[in-house]
Amino acid sequence: MTPLRYSFILLTLACSVSVLAGPTEFARGRVLLDTENLVQRASLDQDVYEWVVREDLGDLRVFNGNGEEIPYALRRPAVTSAHTGWQSLPLFQLPVAEALEGAAAVNIELGDGGAVVAVHGSNASVDHSRAFLIDASHYDLPVAEIDVGWQADLENRISRFRVESSDDLDQWSTVLNSTTLAALETNGQRVQVNRIALNGVRSRYLRLTSLAGTEPIPITHIRVRSKHSQAPERHWKTLPASPVEGGYEFDTGGLFATDRVSLTMESASYLIEAQLYSRNRPAGPWQDRGVRNFYRVAVDHEGTAAVTGDPVSYATTRDRYWRAEPTPDPGLALSLRIGWLPDELLFLRQGPAPYTLAYGKADTPGRQWPVQEMLDRLDKDATWDSLPLTGLSEARTLAGEAALVPRPAPLDWQSILLWVVLVAGVGGVGLLAFRLVRGQSR
């Protein structure tokens, strides 16, 4: 075999070899406690954030029992919405005079707490089915939807209503200029359009007025309900301060998805005004997070009951380092409390259990699997938040801190072999030329 051919073979082998990292090459790992579901869902805990080195969590992998890497996806936790139960509210017909506007000819009698006791009209010609007052004075939630009821035998009626709100029965604000209610029957089938969607209206009173040119609907009862958001449980961590010139610095100890921050002191009552900063690298530039106030006021002599300010809300950041510059310096030990919503891991069961979540490895490229697209296509109506969370075993050390140290840059064997091949080729051509010239000179 000639040296030139041998060089080509070495170059081909070098280009075809790729080294796959196994779970033991990562700093930490834990077993995902498998369930029977094909799609698995797990919530990342504090230990993961304290050991990963990439802000996009790209140094995280899932392996099956054979040590094979299996597809996964990360997502931020979803905030879901849910409706409360329906609640009936008092309803009053308003005697709206045709020749007058609004409630000019109406006297409303109020009781304790602003509840409507009775509605009295004038002697003018009135239509009792065109305007209605809803008493929401004892409903403490914002109204997201109104369920309108009428007699069961009502049919072939379509009407448009204006929806208004008020807190004093004097000044009214328009919520909806026009919304349609209908009771229809065709071919023995009854159709009802009796829901009015509102954008979370919080008022003591609501008024429905049938618009001119439409046939009124005699409403008999009203129900309302609210919508509230449901977020996953927020996790918290308290950090001690390191005094520095001009303020205090804090190290979160990991790449947490921080969205809440609060300064606290070891005192029963305090008020702190502080300029906050954050950065993602120890020597990087500080990002201005604004001047914030933090307080705690004890309301009893023992200091056990207190009024405390809410944590500052930020857009999610993975900045690890924070700085506070209080004015004036309180002279007492400060602590920084951070809160975050854990990321969620989605993966497909492939191969034998156990499945291992491995994380923390320097110089690891990010991995993007099209898992979410595949999940969406499996079932467009699937609610992944309804999947049970897979448990995680206790974290165990694999390669440990050694995995977090970047390795020296490896020799670029492909470039070296390429140069060897080029030099050998040039040498071969030169040798052939030399022999050709030598042969012609004889």
Foldseek 3Di string as FASTA:
>chain_A
DDPLVVLVVVLVVVVPDDDDDFQLLFFWKWWFFDDPDQKAKAFDDDVQQLFFDDLVQQQKFKAFPVRDTFDKDWDFFDKDKDKDDKDWFDKAFQFDAPVDDDRPQKDWDADPQRFTDHIDGDPHDGDRQFKMKTFQSVPQWFFFKKFWAADPPDEDFKFWKWKWAAAPVPDIDTQGRIDMWHWYADPRDTDTDGMDGGDRHDHRMMMIGTDPPGDGGRTDTMITMDMDIHTPDKDKDKFWWDDDVQFTKTFQSGQFQWFWKAKDFPDLWDKWWKWKWFAADPPDDTDTPGIDIWIWAQPDPVSPDIDTDGTDGHHTGRGGMMIIRTVVDPPGIMMMMTIHRTMMMMGGDDDHDRMMIGHHAPPRDGDDDPVVVVVCVVDVPDDVVPDDHTDIDDMDTRNHPVRNDDDPDDDPVSVVSVVVSVVVVVVVVVVVVVVVVVVVVD
